[in-house]
Amino acid sequence: MKNFITFLIFNLLLISSSFASGGIGGGGIANIPQGQDREKYHLGKAVYNQDLTLEKQPNVNLIEQEERLEYLQGSLPNTEKRRVNLPDFAGKLTEEQITALEYFVQVRFNVKLPEKKKE
């Protein structure tokens, strides 16, 4: 009888663990914002995935963009750091695009970026 109970418990544990097994979690899917933030998110996603044709922008602060993009690159998970090189976008983004890119990275990868100083 003792062996039967041990056998039963073992099988129940084996079956229940197979239901719980889902593999290694990949961080999940980000909650896509609604309203105006949704547009900003999708613009940032398009920039990140290089779905937009980026051309050299006149009148941009190249040094500031490089710094912002390098910081953003450093905030990415290691797998993404190998996939995308954000500093390559320096000088090719409008202020709206770089702000949207920062927003996308914050939401998608759950990254907290420092608050911008108001002048």
C-alpha atoms as a PDB file:
ATOM      1  CA  MET A   1       0.000   0.000   0.000  1.00  0.00           C
ATOM      2  CA  LYS A   2       2.845   2.390   0.850  1.00  0.00           C
ATOM      3  CA  ASN A   3       4.426   1.795  -2.575  1.00  0.00           C
ATOM      4  CA  PHE A   4       1.114   2.509  -4.289  1.00  0.00           C
ATOM      5  CA  ILE A   5       0.724   5.854  -2.501  1.00  0.00           C
ATOM      6  CA  THR A   6       4.320   6.796  -3.354  1.00  0.00           C
ATOM      7  CA  PHE A   7       3.695   5.818  -6.982  1.00  0.00           C
ATOM      8  CA  LEU A   8       0.479   7.858  -7.075  1.00  0.00           C
ATOM      9  CA  ILE A   9       2.098  10.953  -5.539  1.00  0.00           C
ATOM     10  CA  PHE A  10       5.044  10.694  -7.932  1.00  0.00           C
ATOM     11  CA  ASN A  11       2.754  10.511 -10.964  1.00  0.00           C
ATOM     12  CA  LEU A  12       0.587  13.388  -9.758  1.00  0.00           C
ATOM     13  CA  LEU A  13       3.675  15.541  -9.282  1.00  0.00           C
ATOM     14  CA  LEU A  14       4.971  14.553 -12.701  1.00  0.00           C
ATOM     15  CA  ILE A  15       1.678  15.368 -14.410  1.00  0.00           C
ATOM     16  CA  SER A  16       1.179  18.660 -12.560  1.00  0.00           C
ATOM     17  CA  SER A  17       4.731  19.800 -13.347  1.00  0.00           C
ATOM     18  CA  SER A  18       4.178  19.140 -17.037  1.00  0.00           C
ATOM     19  CA  PHE A  19       1.242  21.568 -17.002  1.00  0.00           C
ATOM     20  CA  ALA A  20       3.316  24.249 -15.297  1.00  0.00           C
ATOM     21  CA  SER A  21       6.247  23.864 -17.649  1.00  0.00           C
ATOM     22  CA  GLY A  22       6.206  26.598 -20.230  1.00  0.00           C
ATOM     23  CA  GLY A  23       9.869  26.956 -20.965  1.00  0.00           C
ATOM     24  CA  ILE A  24      11.988  29.908 -20.085  1.00  0.00           C
ATOM     25  CA  GLY A  25      10.148  33.193 -19.932  1.00  0.00           C
ATOM     26  CA  GLY A  26      11.277  35.831 -22.403  1.00  0.00           C
ATOM     27  CA  GLY A  27      10.177  38.893 -20.499  1.00  0.00           C
ATOM     28  CA  GLY A  28       6.636  38.843 -21.844  1.00  0.00           C
ATOM     29  CA  ILE A  29       4.879  41.196 -24.177  1.00  0.00           C
ATOM     30  CA  ALA A  30       4.793  44.859 -23.323  1.00  0.00           C
ATOM     31  CA  ASN A  31       1.435  46.464 -22.702  1.00  0.00           C
ATOM     32  CA  ILE A  32       0.942  48.615 -25.764  1.00  0.00           C
ATOM     33  CA  PRO A  33      -0.316  52.031 -24.695  1.00  0.00           C
ATOM     34  CA  GLN A  34      -3.573  53.545 -25.883  1.00  0.00           C
ATOM     35  CA  GLY A  35      -4.381  56.955 -27.378  1.00  0.00           C
ATOM     36  CA  GLN A  36      -1.592  59.338 -28.327  1.00  0.00           C
ATOM     37  CA  ASP A  37       0.956  57.180 -26.564  1.00  0.00           C
ATOM     38  CA  ARG A  38       0.018  54.345 -28.915  1.00  0.00           C
ATOM     39  CA  GLU A  39       1.067  56.418 -31.938  1.00  0.00           C
ATOM     40  CA  LYS A  40       4.303  57.373 -30.201  1.00  0.00           C
ATOM     41  CA  TYR A  41       4.953  53.705 -29.349  1.00  0.00           C
ATOM     42  CA  HIS A  42       4.413  52.561 -32.934  1.00  0.00           C
ATOM     43  CA  LEU A  43       6.606  55.332 -34.347  1.00  0.00           C
ATOM     44  CA  GLY A  44       9.370  54.315 -31.931  1.00  0.00           C
ATOM     45  CA  LYS A  45       8.893  50.678 -32.895  1.00  0.00           C
ATOM     46  CA  ALA A  46       9.180  51.554 -36.599  1.00  0.00           C
ATOM     47  CA  VAL A  47      12.418  53.470 -35.950  1.00  0.00           C
ATOM     48  CA  TYR A  48      13.801  50.650 -33.764  1.00  0.00           C
ATOM     49  CA  ASN A  49      13.004  47.963 -36.351  1.00  0.00           C
ATOM     50  CA  GLN A  50      14.295  50.198 -39.161  1.00  0.00           C
ATOM     51  CA  ASP A  51      10.941  50.119 -40.926  1.00  0.00           C
ATOM     52  CA  LEU A  52      11.421  53.802 -41.804  1.00  0.00           C
ATOM     53  CA  THR A  53      13.902  55.241 -44.251  1.00  0.00           C
ATOM     54  CA  LEU A  54      16.130  57.483 -42.183  1.00  0.00           C
ATOM     55  CA  GLU A  55      17.921  60.343 -43.894  1.00  0.00           C
ATOM     56  CA  LYS A  56      20.409  62.852 -42.560  1.00  0.00           C
ATOM     57  CA  GLN A  57      18.498  65.581 -40.732  1.00  0.00           C
ATOM     58  CA  PRO A  58      19.520  69.222 -41.017  1.00  0.00           C
ATOM     59  CA  ASN A  59      19.775  71.303 -37.871  1.00  0.00           C
ATOM     60  CA  VAL A  60      20.099  68.460 -35.356  1.00  0.00           C
ATOM     61  CA  ASN A  61      22.526  68.371 -32.470  1.00  0.00           C
ATOM     62  CA  LEU A  62      24.598  65.361 -33.544  1.00  0.00           C
ATOM     63  CA  ILE A  63      26.518  65.110 -30.258  1.00  0.00           C
ATOM     64  CA  GLU A  64      23.303  65.151 -28.202  1.00  0.00           C
ATOM     65  CA  GLN A  65      21.694  62.477 -30.414  1.00  0.00           C
ATOM     66  CA  GLU A  66      24.796  60.281 -30.190  1.00  0.00           C
ATOM     67  CA  GLU A  67      24.779  60.541 -26.394  1.00  0.00           C
ATOM     68  CA  ARG A  68      21.068  59.767 -26.136  1.00  0.00           C
ATOM     69  CA  LEU A  69      21.339  56.818 -28.522  1.00  0.00           C
ATOM     70  CA  GLU A  70      24.436  55.398 -26.805  1.00  0.00           C
ATOM     71  CA  TYR A  71      22.650  55.579 -23.451  1.00  0.00           C
ATOM     72  CA  LEU A  72      19.617  53.896 -24.988  1.00  0.00           C
ATOM     73  CA  GLN A  73      21.827  51.191 -26.531  1.00  0.00           C
ATOM     74  CA  GLY A  74      23.360  50.509 -23.126  1.00  0.00           C
ATOM     75  CA  SER A  75      19.880  50.141 -21.624  1.00  0.00           C
ATOM     76  CA  LEU A  76      18.909  47.322 -23.980  1.00  0.00           C
ATOM     77  CA  PRO A  77      19.026  43.639 -23.026  1.00  0.00           C
ATOM     78  CA  ASN A  78      22.174  41.882 -24.278  1.00  0.00           C
ATOM     79  CA  THR A  79      20.314  39.984 -26.997  1.00  0.00           C
ATOM     80  CA  GLU A  80      18.994  43.253 -28.401  1.00  0.00           C
ATOM     81  CA  LYS A  81      22.392  44.951 -28.165  1.00  0.00           C
ATOM     82  CA  ARG A  82      23.686  42.397 -30.654  1.00  0.00           C
ATOM     83  CA  ARG A  83      20.676  42.832 -32.941  1.00  0.00           C
ATOM     84  CA  VAL A  84      20.457  46.602 -33.272  1.00  0.00           C
ATOM     85  CA  ASN A  85      22.976  49.458 -33.149  1.00  0.00           C
ATOM     86  CA  LEU A  86      21.065  52.566 -32.151  1.00  0.00           C
ATOM     87  CA  PRO A  87      24.043  54.993 -32.317  1.00  0.00           C
ATOM     88  CA  ASP A  88      24.036  54.409 -36.092  1.00  0.00           C
ATOM     89  CA  PHE A  89      20.831  56.478 -36.186  1.00  0.00           C
ATOM     90  CA  ALA A  90      22.594  59.621 -34.888  1.00  0.00           C
ATOM     91  CA  GLY A  91      21.951  62.605 -37.119  1.00  0.00           C
ATOM     92  CA  LYS A  92      19.156  60.782 -38.940  1.00  0.00           C
ATOM     93  CA  LEU A  93      16.326  61.242 -36.447  1.00  0.00           C
ATOM     94  CA  THR A  94      13.964  64.105 -35.866  1.00  0.00           C
ATOM     95  CA  GLU A  95      13.254  65.078 -32.258  1.00  0.00           C
ATOM     96  CA  GLU A  96       9.859  63.366 -32.550  1.00  0.00           C
ATOM     97  CA  GLN A  97      11.483  60.131 -33.773  1.00  0.00           C
ATOM     98  CA  ILE A  98      14.170  59.978 -31.091  1.00  0.00           C
ATOM     99  CA  THR A  99      11.627  60.746 -28.361  1.00  0.00           C
ATOM    100  CA  ALA A 100       9.353  58.011 -29.726  1.00  0.00           C
ATOM    101  CA  LEU A 101      12.306  55.600 -29.860  1.00  0.00           C
ATOM    102  CA  GLU A 102      13.121  56.319 -26.214  1.00  0.00           C
ATOM    103  CA  TYR A 103       9.472  55.789 -25.313  1.00  0.00           C
ATOM    104  CA  PHE A 104       9.324  52.487 -27.217  1.00  0.00           C
ATOM    105  CA  VAL A 105      12.441  51.156 -25.480  1.00  0.00           C
ATOM    106  CA  GLN A 106      11.065  52.182 -22.077  1.00  0.00           C
ATOM    107  CA  VAL A 107       7.770  50.376 -22.644  1.00  0.00           C
ATOM    108  CA  ARG A 108       8.998  47.353 -24.606  1.00  0.00           C
ATOM    109  CA  PHE A 109      12.025  46.511 -22.466  1.00  0.00           C
ATOM    110  CA  ASN A 110      10.778  47.936 -19.153  1.00  0.00           C
ATOM    111  CA  VAL A 111      13.668  50.395 -18.953  1.00  0.00           C
ATOM    112  CA  LYS A 112      13.598  53.482 -16.750  1.00  0.00           C
ATOM    113  CA  LEU A 113      15.356  56.383 -18.464  1.00  0.00           C
ATOM    114  CA  PRO A 114      16.423  59.479 -16.542  1.00  0.00           C
ATOM    115  CA  GLU A 115      14.029  62.412 -16.544  1.00  0.00           C
ATOM    116  CA  LYS A 116      14.873  65.156 -19.004  1.00  0.00           C
ATOM    117  CA  LYS A 117      15.872  68.476 -17.484  1.00  0.00           C
ATOM    118  CA  LYS A 118      13.441  71.272 -18.231  1.00  0.00           C
ATOM    119  CA  GLU A 119      15.162  74.466 -19.211  1.00  0.00           C
END
